[in-house]
Amino acid sequence: MKICLSLVVLVLFVTGCVSKQAMLVNPDTGQTQNCGASGWGWFGAPYASHMYNKCVLNMRANGYKYPYEISSEQQQALLSDGKENYSEVTIVKPKLSNVREAKIAYKAGQISKSEYKSTIYQLKSNYKMKVREIKLDFNTGKIDELEYRKRITIAKMDYSG
């Protein structure tokens, strides 16, 4: 029993992965920069997440923003200045994968109030469906309590950002 428990603990420490990617835009120049990192294991995943966050913080300190945070006026100014590399970024509506991103886009004026409410409703529906699936797996014995809690935590983090 101790060996089995030790093995489970070891597997939890060794497994896990993260892969993050973001493009940021300088609203003054139209220049774009990418931040990205990936890693796996007990050291690689947290380190990759740390490096990604560090890159984003450095870019934001230098005036870069997420494309959906740039106002319509700034977008038009960049486009009228002939900054071709920025036009590809501004045409696409932001992909809002969590509540935090939706709030930022709404506050920046990138989406309307109705789009914001619709996005939140869709995110909440997706979250509830994930939770139902996780509960079903737990209740049918496909996953144990530890895996259940882990999946619920991940679903909450995905939803809230």
N, C-alpha and C. Protein backbone atom coordinates (compact mmCIF):
# COMPACT_ATOMS: atom_id res chain seq x y z
N MET A 1 0.82 -1.19 0.00
CA MET A 1 0.00 0.00 0.00
C MET A 1 0.87 1.26 0.00
N LYS A 2 1.95 1.26 0.80
CA LYS A 2 2.84 2.41 0.85
C LYS A 2 3.52 2.63 -0.49
N ILE A 3 3.88 1.54 -1.14
CA ILE A 3 4.54 1.64 -2.45
C ILE A 3 3.57 2.25 -3.47
N CYS A 4 2.33 1.81 -3.44
CA CYS A 4 1.32 2.32 -4.36
C CYS A 4 1.09 3.82 -4.13
N LEU A 5 0.97 4.22 -2.88
CA LEU A 5 0.77 5.62 -2.54
C LEU A 5 1.99 6.45 -2.95
N SER A 6 3.18 5.91 -2.71
CA SER A 6 4.40 6.60 -3.10
C SER A 6 4.47 6.77 -4.61
N LEU A 7 4.05 5.74 -5.33
CA LEU A 7 4.05 5.80 -6.78
C LEU A 7 3.08 6.85 -7.29
N VAL A 8 1.91 6.95 -6.69
CA VAL A 8 0.93 7.96 -7.08
C VAL A 8 1.49 9.36 -6.83
N VAL A 9 2.09 9.58 -5.69
CA VAL A 9 2.68 10.87 -5.37
C VAL A 9 3.80 11.20 -6.35
N LEU A 10 4.63 10.23 -6.67
CA LEU A 10 5.72 10.44 -7.62
C LEU A 10 5.18 10.82 -9.00
N VAL A 11 4.16 10.13 -9.44
CA VAL A 11 3.57 10.42 -10.75
C VAL A 11 3.00 11.83 -10.78
N LEU A 12 2.37 12.27 -9.70
CA LEU A 12 1.81 13.62 -9.65
C LEU A 12 2.91 14.68 -9.72
N PHE A 13 4.07 14.41 -9.13
CA PHE A 13 5.16 15.36 -9.17
C PHE A 13 5.84 15.40 -10.53
N VAL A 14 5.90 14.29 -11.21
CA VAL A 14 6.62 14.20 -12.48
C VAL A 14 5.77 14.67 -13.66
N THR A 15 4.47 14.45 -13.61
CA THR A 15 3.63 14.80 -14.74
C THR A 15 3.15 16.23 -14.66
N GLY A 16 2.54 16.67 -15.72
CA GLY A 16 2.02 18.03 -15.80
C GLY A 16 2.74 18.77 -16.90
N CYS A 17 2.02 19.61 -17.61
CA CYS A 17 2.66 20.37 -18.67
C CYS A 17 1.96 21.71 -18.80
N VAL A 18 2.66 22.64 -19.45
CA VAL A 18 2.10 23.95 -19.72
C VAL A 18 2.65 24.42 -21.06
N SER A 19 1.80 25.09 -21.81
CA SER A 19 2.21 25.69 -23.07
C SER A 19 1.40 26.97 -23.23
N LYS A 20 2.09 28.10 -23.22
CA LYS A 20 1.40 29.39 -23.31
C LYS A 20 2.00 30.20 -24.45
N GLN A 21 1.16 30.96 -25.12
CA GLN A 21 1.58 31.77 -26.26
C GLN A 21 0.72 33.02 -26.31
N ALA A 22 1.32 34.17 -26.55
CA ALA A 22 0.55 35.42 -26.69
C ALA A 22 1.29 36.36 -27.62
N MET A 23 0.53 37.12 -28.38
CA MET A 23 1.10 38.16 -29.22
C MET A 23 0.70 39.50 -28.63
N LEU A 24 1.65 40.40 -28.51
CA LEU A 24 1.39 41.73 -27.98
C LEU A 24 1.76 42.76 -29.04
N VAL A 25 1.09 43.92 -29.00
CA VAL A 25 1.26 44.96 -30.00
C VAL A 25 1.63 46.26 -29.33
N ASN A 26 2.58 46.99 -29.91
CA ASN A 26 2.89 48.32 -29.43
C ASN A 26 1.94 49.27 -30.14
N PRO A 27 1.01 49.92 -29.42
CA PRO A 27 0.02 50.77 -30.08
C PRO A 27 0.61 52.02 -30.71
N ASP A 28 1.83 52.41 -30.32
CA ASP A 28 2.46 53.59 -30.90
C ASP A 28 3.14 53.29 -32.23
N THR A 29 3.73 52.10 -32.32
CA THR A 29 4.51 51.77 -33.53
C THR A 29 3.86 50.70 -34.40
N GLY A 30 2.95 49.91 -33.83
CA GLY A 30 2.34 48.81 -34.57
C GLY A 30 3.19 47.55 -34.57
N GLN A 31 4.34 47.62 -33.93
CA GLN A 31 5.24 46.46 -33.88
C GLN A 31 4.65 45.37 -32.99
N THR A 32 4.79 44.13 -33.43
CA THR A 32 4.27 43.00 -32.65
C THR A 32 5.41 42.18 -32.07
N GLN A 33 5.15 41.56 -30.93
CA GLN A 33 6.11 40.67 -30.28
C GLN A 33 5.35 39.46 -29.76
N ASN A 34 5.97 38.31 -29.81
CA ASN A 34 5.37 37.09 -29.29
C ASN A 34 6.05 36.68 -27.99
N CYS A 35 5.25 36.23 -27.05
CA CYS A 35 5.76 35.63 -25.83
C CYS A 35 5.23 34.20 -25.80
N GLY A 36 6.10 33.26 -25.54
CA GLY A 36 5.67 31.88 -25.48
C GLY A 36 6.63 31.03 -24.68
N ALA A 37 6.11 30.01 -24.06
CA ALA A 37 6.92 29.06 -23.30
C ALA A 37 6.15 27.77 -23.14
N SER A 38 6.87 26.67 -23.05
CA SER A 38 6.24 25.39 -22.76
C SER A 38 7.20 24.56 -21.92
N GLY A 39 6.63 23.68 -21.14
CA GLY A 39 7.45 22.82 -20.29
C GLY A 39 6.61 21.71 -19.70
N TRP A 40 7.27 20.70 -19.18
CA TRP A 40 6.55 19.59 -18.56
C TRP A 40 7.31 19.12 -17.33
N GLY A 41 6.60 18.39 -16.48
CA GLY A 41 7.21 17.86 -15.26
C GLY A 41 7.07 18.81 -14.09
N TRP A 42 7.55 18.36 -12.96
CA TRP A 42 7.39 19.13 -11.73
C TRP A 42 8.17 20.44 -11.75
N PHE A 43 9.24 20.51 -12.54
CA PHE A 43 10.02 21.75 -12.63
C PHE A 43 9.71 22.51 -13.92
N GLY A 44 9.58 21.80 -15.01
CA GLY A 44 9.42 22.42 -16.32
C GLY A 44 8.14 23.22 -16.46
N ALA A 45 7.02 22.68 -15.98
CA ALA A 45 5.74 23.37 -16.13
C ALA A 45 5.71 24.70 -15.36
N PRO A 46 6.06 24.72 -14.07
CA PRO A 46 6.05 26.01 -13.36
C PRO A 46 7.08 26.99 -13.92
N TYR A 47 8.24 26.48 -14.36
CA TYR A 47 9.26 27.36 -14.90
C TYR A 47 8.80 27.99 -16.21
N ALA A 48 8.17 27.20 -17.07
CA ALA A 48 7.66 27.73 -18.34
C ALA A 48 6.60 28.79 -18.09
N SER A 49 5.72 28.54 -17.14
CA SER A 49 4.69 29.52 -16.80
C SER A 49 5.33 30.81 -16.28
N HIS A 50 6.35 30.67 -15.45
CA HIS A 50 7.06 31.83 -14.92
C HIS A 50 7.72 32.64 -16.05
N MET A 51 8.38 31.95 -16.97
CA MET A 51 9.06 32.63 -18.07
C MET A 51 8.06 33.35 -18.98
N TYR A 52 6.93 32.72 -19.25
CA TYR A 52 5.89 33.35 -20.06
C TYR A 52 5.39 34.62 -19.38
N ASN A 53 5.05 34.53 -18.09
CA ASN A 53 4.56 35.69 -17.35
C ASN A 53 5.60 36.81 -17.31
N LYS A 54 6.86 36.44 -17.16
CA LYS A 54 7.95 37.43 -17.14
C LYS A 54 8.04 38.15 -18.48
N CYS A 55 7.93 37.40 -19.58
CA CYS A 55 7.97 37.99 -20.91
C CYS A 55 6.82 38.97 -21.11
N VAL A 56 5.61 38.56 -20.74
CA VAL A 56 4.44 39.43 -20.90
C VAL A 56 4.59 40.69 -20.05
N LEU A 57 5.05 40.55 -18.82
CA LEU A 57 5.24 41.72 -17.96
C LEU A 57 6.28 42.68 -18.54
N ASN A 58 7.38 42.14 -19.08
CA ASN A 58 8.40 42.99 -19.70
C ASN A 58 7.85 43.73 -20.91
N MET A 59 7.10 43.02 -21.74
CA MET A 59 6.52 43.66 -22.93
C MET A 59 5.52 44.75 -22.53
N ARG A 60 4.70 44.45 -21.54
CA ARG A 60 3.70 45.44 -21.09
C ARG A 60 4.39 46.65 -20.46
N ALA A 61 5.50 46.43 -19.78
CA ALA A 61 6.27 47.54 -19.20
C ALA A 61 6.85 48.43 -20.30
N ASN A 62 7.07 47.86 -21.48
CA ASN A 62 7.59 48.61 -22.63
C ASN A 62 6.48 49.16 -23.52
N GLY A 63 5.24 49.13 -23.04
CA GLY A 63 4.14 49.74 -23.76
C GLY A 63 3.33 48.82 -24.65
N TYR A 64 3.66 47.54 -24.70
CA TYR A 64 2.93 46.60 -25.52
C TYR A 64 1.62 46.21 -24.84
N LYS A 65 0.61 45.91 -25.67
CA LYS A 65 -0.70 45.51 -25.16
C LYS A 65 -1.19 44.31 -25.96
N TYR A 66 -2.17 43.62 -25.37
CA TYR A 66 -2.87 42.59 -26.13
C TYR A 66 -3.66 43.29 -27.22
N PRO A 67 -3.81 42.68 -28.39
CA PRO A 67 -4.53 43.35 -29.49
C PRO A 67 -5.93 43.82 -29.10
N TYR A 68 -6.64 43.06 -28.27
CA TYR A 68 -8.00 43.46 -27.92
C TYR A 68 -8.04 44.59 -26.90
N GLU A 69 -6.89 45.01 -26.37
CA GLU A 69 -6.85 46.13 -25.42
C GLU A 69 -6.64 47.47 -26.12
N ILE A 70 -6.35 47.43 -27.40
CA ILE A 70 -6.06 48.66 -28.13
C ILE A 70 -7.37 49.27 -28.62
N SER A 71 -7.54 50.55 -28.37
CA SER A 71 -8.80 51.22 -28.73
C SER A 71 -8.96 51.31 -30.24
N SER A 72 -10.18 51.53 -30.67
CA SER A 72 -10.48 51.66 -32.10
C SER A 72 -9.74 52.83 -32.72
N GLU A 73 -9.60 53.91 -31.96
CA GLU A 73 -8.88 55.09 -32.47
C GLU A 73 -7.42 54.76 -32.73
N GLN A 74 -6.79 54.03 -31.80
CA GLN A 74 -5.39 53.64 -31.99
C GLN A 74 -5.25 52.70 -33.18
N GLN A 75 -6.20 51.80 -33.34
CA GLN A 75 -6.17 50.88 -34.47
C GLN A 75 -6.24 51.65 -35.78
N GLN A 76 -7.16 52.58 -35.87
CA GLN A 76 -7.32 53.36 -37.10
C GLN A 76 -6.07 54.19 -37.38
N ALA A 77 -5.48 54.77 -36.33
CA ALA A 77 -4.26 55.56 -36.52
C ALA A 77 -3.14 54.69 -37.06
N LEU A 78 -2.99 53.49 -36.53
CA LEU A 78 -1.95 52.59 -37.02
C LEU A 78 -2.20 52.18 -38.46
N LEU A 79 -3.44 51.89 -38.78
CA LEU A 79 -3.77 51.48 -40.14
C LEU A 79 -3.57 52.62 -41.13
N SER A 80 -3.91 53.85 -40.73
CA SER A 80 -3.75 54.99 -41.63
C SER A 80 -2.28 55.36 -41.80
N ASP A 81 -1.42 54.96 -40.85
CA ASP A 81 0.02 55.21 -40.98
C ASP A 81 0.70 54.19 -41.88
N GLY A 82 -0.07 53.21 -42.38
CA GLY A 82 0.49 52.22 -43.29
C GLY A 82 1.27 51.11 -42.61
N LYS A 83 0.95 50.82 -41.39
CA LYS A 83 1.63 49.74 -40.67
C LYS A 83 0.96 48.42 -41.05
N GLU A 84 1.46 47.78 -42.11
CA GLU A 84 0.82 46.57 -42.63
C GLU A 84 0.83 45.43 -41.63
N ASN A 85 1.91 45.29 -40.86
CA ASN A 85 1.99 44.16 -39.95
C ASN A 85 0.92 44.20 -38.87
N TYR A 86 0.37 45.37 -38.60
CA TYR A 86 -0.66 45.48 -37.57
C TYR A 86 -2.05 45.17 -38.12
N SER A 87 -2.27 45.40 -39.40
CA SER A 87 -3.60 45.22 -39.97
C SER A 87 -4.10 43.79 -39.80
N GLU A 88 -3.21 42.83 -39.85
CA GLU A 88 -3.61 41.44 -39.68
C GLU A 88 -4.12 41.19 -38.26
N VAL A 89 -3.58 41.90 -37.31
CA VAL A 89 -3.94 41.70 -35.92
C VAL A 89 -5.30 42.32 -35.61
N THR A 90 -5.58 43.49 -36.15
CA THR A 90 -6.77 44.23 -35.75
C THR A 90 -8.04 43.76 -36.43
N ILE A 91 -7.94 43.12 -37.55
CA ILE A 91 -9.14 42.69 -38.27
C ILE A 91 -9.88 41.61 -37.50
N VAL A 92 -9.17 40.76 -36.82
CA VAL A 92 -9.76 39.62 -36.13
C VAL A 92 -10.27 40.05 -34.76
N LYS A 93 -11.49 39.65 -34.42
CA LYS A 93 -12.02 39.90 -33.08
C LYS A 93 -11.22 39.08 -32.08
N PRO A 94 -11.08 39.57 -30.86
CA PRO A 94 -10.30 38.80 -29.88
C PRO A 94 -10.96 37.47 -29.56
N LYS A 95 -10.13 36.43 -29.41
CA LYS A 95 -10.63 35.13 -28.99
C LYS A 95 -10.66 35.15 -27.46
N LEU A 96 -11.84 35.14 -26.92
CA LEU A 96 -12.01 35.27 -25.48
C LEU A 96 -12.24 33.89 -24.88
N SER A 97 -11.21 33.36 -24.25
CA SER A 97 -11.30 32.00 -23.74
C SER A 97 -11.58 31.93 -22.24
N ASN A 98 -11.65 33.08 -21.56
CA ASN A 98 -11.99 33.07 -20.14
C ASN A 98 -12.61 34.40 -19.73
N VAL A 99 -13.14 34.45 -18.54
CA VAL A 99 -13.84 35.63 -18.05
C VAL A 99 -12.91 36.84 -17.96
N ARG A 100 -11.69 36.63 -17.53
CA ARG A 100 -10.73 37.74 -17.39
C ARG A 100 -10.50 38.42 -18.74
N GLU A 101 -10.28 37.63 -19.79
CA GLU A 101 -10.06 38.19 -21.12
C GLU A 101 -11.29 38.94 -21.62
N ALA A 102 -12.48 38.41 -21.33
CA ALA A 102 -13.71 39.07 -21.75
C ALA A 102 -13.86 40.42 -21.06
N LYS A 103 -13.54 40.48 -19.76
CA LYS A 103 -13.64 41.75 -19.03
C LYS A 103 -12.67 42.78 -19.58
N ILE A 104 -11.45 42.34 -19.87
CA ILE A 104 -10.44 43.26 -20.41
C ILE A 104 -10.89 43.80 -21.77
N ALA A 105 -11.39 42.91 -22.63
CA ALA A 105 -11.84 43.33 -23.96
C ALA A 105 -13.02 44.29 -23.87
N TYR A 106 -13.93 44.04 -22.94
CA TYR A 106 -15.09 44.91 -22.78
C TYR A 106 -14.66 46.29 -22.27
N LYS A 107 -13.80 46.31 -21.26
CA LYS A 107 -13.34 47.59 -20.70
C LYS A 107 -12.52 48.39 -21.71
N ALA A 108 -11.82 47.67 -22.62
CA ALA A 108 -11.02 48.35 -23.64
C ALA A 108 -11.87 48.80 -24.83
N GLY A 109 -13.15 48.45 -24.82
CA GLY A 109 -14.03 48.85 -25.90
C GLY A 109 -13.92 47.98 -27.14
N GLN A 110 -13.31 46.82 -27.01
CA GLN A 110 -13.13 45.94 -28.15
C GLN A 110 -14.39 45.11 -28.45
N ILE A 111 -15.24 44.94 -27.45
CA ILE A 111 -16.50 44.23 -27.64
C ILE A 111 -17.61 45.03 -26.98
N SER A 112 -18.81 44.89 -27.50
CA SER A 112 -19.95 45.61 -26.95
C SER A 112 -20.46 44.91 -25.69
N LYS A 113 -21.40 45.57 -25.01
CA LYS A 113 -21.97 44.98 -23.81
C LYS A 113 -22.71 43.68 -24.13
N SER A 114 -23.43 43.66 -25.24
CA SER A 114 -24.16 42.44 -25.61
C SER A 114 -23.19 41.31 -25.98
N GLU A 115 -22.08 41.65 -26.66
CA GLU A 115 -21.07 40.63 -26.96
C GLU A 115 -20.43 40.10 -25.68
N TYR A 116 -20.20 41.01 -24.73
CA TYR A 116 -19.62 40.61 -23.45
C TYR A 116 -20.55 39.64 -22.72
N LYS A 117 -21.84 40.02 -22.63
CA LYS A 117 -22.81 39.15 -21.94
C LYS A 117 -22.93 37.80 -22.63
N SER A 118 -22.94 37.81 -23.95
CA SER A 118 -23.04 36.57 -24.71
C SER A 118 -21.81 35.69 -24.47
N THR A 119 -20.64 36.31 -24.45
CA THR A 119 -19.40 35.58 -24.21
C THR A 119 -19.41 34.96 -22.82
N ILE A 120 -19.80 35.73 -21.81
CA ILE A 120 -19.85 35.23 -20.44
C ILE A 120 -20.84 34.07 -20.34
N TYR A 121 -21.98 34.20 -20.98
CA TYR A 121 -22.99 33.13 -20.97
C TYR A 121 -22.42 31.85 -21.60
N GLN A 122 -21.72 32.00 -22.73
CA GLN A 122 -21.14 30.84 -23.41
C GLN A 122 -20.03 30.21 -22.55
N LEU A 123 -19.18 31.03 -21.95
CA LEU A 123 -18.12 30.51 -21.09
C LEU A 123 -18.71 29.76 -19.89
N LYS A 124 -19.77 30.33 -19.29
CA LYS A 124 -20.40 29.69 -18.14
C LYS A 124 -21.04 28.36 -18.54
N SER A 125 -21.68 28.33 -19.71
CA SER A 125 -22.29 27.09 -20.19
C SER A 125 -21.22 26.01 -20.42
N ASN A 126 -20.11 26.40 -21.04
CA ASN A 126 -19.02 25.45 -21.27
C ASN A 126 -18.45 24.93 -19.96
N TYR A 127 -18.30 25.83 -18.98
CA TYR A 127 -17.78 25.43 -17.68
C TYR A 127 -18.71 24.43 -17.00
N LYS A 128 -20.01 24.73 -17.02
CA LYS A 128 -20.97 23.82 -16.39
C LYS A 128 -20.97 22.45 -17.07
N MET A 129 -20.82 22.43 -18.40
CA MET A 129 -20.78 21.16 -19.12
C MET A 129 -19.52 20.36 -18.74
N LYS A 130 -18.39 21.04 -18.62
CA LYS A 130 -17.16 20.36 -18.20
C LYS A 130 -17.32 19.75 -16.81
N VAL A 131 -17.91 20.53 -15.90
CA VAL A 131 -18.11 20.05 -14.53
C VAL A 131 -19.03 18.83 -14.52
N ARG A 132 -20.08 18.87 -15.32
CA ARG A 132 -20.98 17.71 -15.41
C ARG A 132 -20.24 16.47 -15.88
N GLU A 133 -19.40 16.63 -16.91
CA GLU A 133 -18.64 15.50 -17.44
C GLU A 133 -17.67 14.95 -16.38
N ILE A 134 -17.03 15.84 -15.65
CA ILE A 134 -16.08 15.42 -14.61
C ILE A 134 -16.83 14.67 -13.50
N LYS A 135 -17.98 15.21 -13.08
CA LYS A 135 -18.77 14.55 -12.05
C LYS A 135 -19.24 13.17 -12.51
N LEU A 136 -19.62 13.06 -13.77
CA LEU A 136 -20.05 11.78 -14.31
C LEU A 136 -18.90 10.76 -14.28
N ASP A 137 -17.71 11.20 -14.68
CA ASP A 137 -16.55 10.31 -14.63
C ASP A 137 -16.26 9.86 -13.20
N PHE A 138 -16.42 10.78 -12.24
CA PHE A 138 -16.17 10.44 -10.84
C PHE A 138 -17.23 9.47 -10.31
N ASN A 139 -18.49 9.77 -10.61
CA ASN A 139 -19.59 8.94 -10.11
C ASN A 139 -19.60 7.54 -10.72
N THR A 140 -19.09 7.39 -11.93
CA THR A 140 -19.04 6.07 -12.56
C THR A 140 -17.75 5.33 -12.25
N GLY A 141 -16.86 5.96 -11.48
CA GLY A 141 -15.62 5.31 -11.06
C GLY A 141 -14.49 5.38 -12.07
N LYS A 142 -14.63 6.18 -13.10
CA LYS A 142 -13.57 6.31 -14.10
C LYS A 142 -12.36 7.06 -13.54
N ILE A 143 -12.62 7.96 -12.59
CA ILE A 143 -11.53 8.71 -11.96
C ILE A 143 -11.71 8.67 -10.45
N ASP A 144 -10.59 8.81 -9.73
CA ASP A 144 -10.66 8.83 -8.27
C ASP A 144 -10.87 10.26 -7.77
N GLU A 145 -10.98 10.42 -6.46
CA GLU A 145 -11.28 11.72 -5.88
C GLU A 145 -10.17 12.74 -6.15
N LEU A 146 -8.93 12.30 -6.09
CA LEU A 146 -7.80 13.20 -6.35
C LEU A 146 -7.85 13.74 -7.78
N GLU A 147 -8.10 12.87 -8.74
CA GLU A 147 -8.20 13.29 -10.14
C GLU A 147 -9.43 14.20 -10.33
N TYR A 148 -10.52 13.89 -9.65
CA TYR A 148 -11.73 14.70 -9.70
C TYR A 148 -11.44 16.14 -9.26
N ARG A 149 -10.79 16.27 -8.11
CA ARG A 149 -10.47 17.60 -7.59
C ARG A 149 -9.52 18.36 -8.52
N LYS A 150 -8.57 17.63 -9.06
CA LYS A 150 -7.61 18.24 -9.99
C LYS A 150 -8.32 18.78 -11.22
N ARG A 151 -9.20 17.97 -11.81
CA ARG A 151 -9.92 18.39 -13.02
C ARG A 151 -10.87 19.55 -12.75
N ILE A 152 -11.53 19.54 -11.59
CA ILE A 152 -12.43 20.64 -11.23
C ILE A 152 -11.63 21.94 -11.07
N THR A 153 -10.48 21.86 -10.44
CA THR A 153 -9.62 23.04 -10.26
C THR A 153 -9.18 23.58 -11.60
N ILE A 154 -8.77 22.71 -12.50
CA ILE A 154 -8.33 23.14 -13.83
C ILE A 154 -9.50 23.79 -14.58
N ALA A 155 -10.69 23.21 -14.49
CA ALA A 155 -11.86 23.78 -15.16
C ALA A 155 -12.17 25.17 -14.62
N LYS A 156 -12.06 25.36 -13.30
CA LYS A 156 -12.31 26.67 -12.70
C LYS A 156 -11.29 27.69 -13.19
N MET A 157 -10.02 27.27 -13.26
CA MET A 157 -8.96 28.17 -13.71
C MET A 157 -9.16 28.53 -15.19
N ASP A 158 -9.55 27.55 -16.00
CA ASP A 158 -9.81 27.82 -17.41
C ASP A 158 -10.96 28.81 -17.58
N TYR A 159 -11.97 28.68 -16.75
CA TYR A 159 -13.14 29.56 -16.84
C TYR A 159 -12.80 30.99 -16.40
N SER A 160 -12.15 31.11 -15.26
CA SER A 160 -11.93 32.45 -14.70
C SER A 160 -10.71 33.15 -15.27
N GLY A 161 -9.73 32.38 -15.70
CA GLY A 161 -8.52 32.99 -16.26
C GLY A 161 -7.55 33.28 -15.17
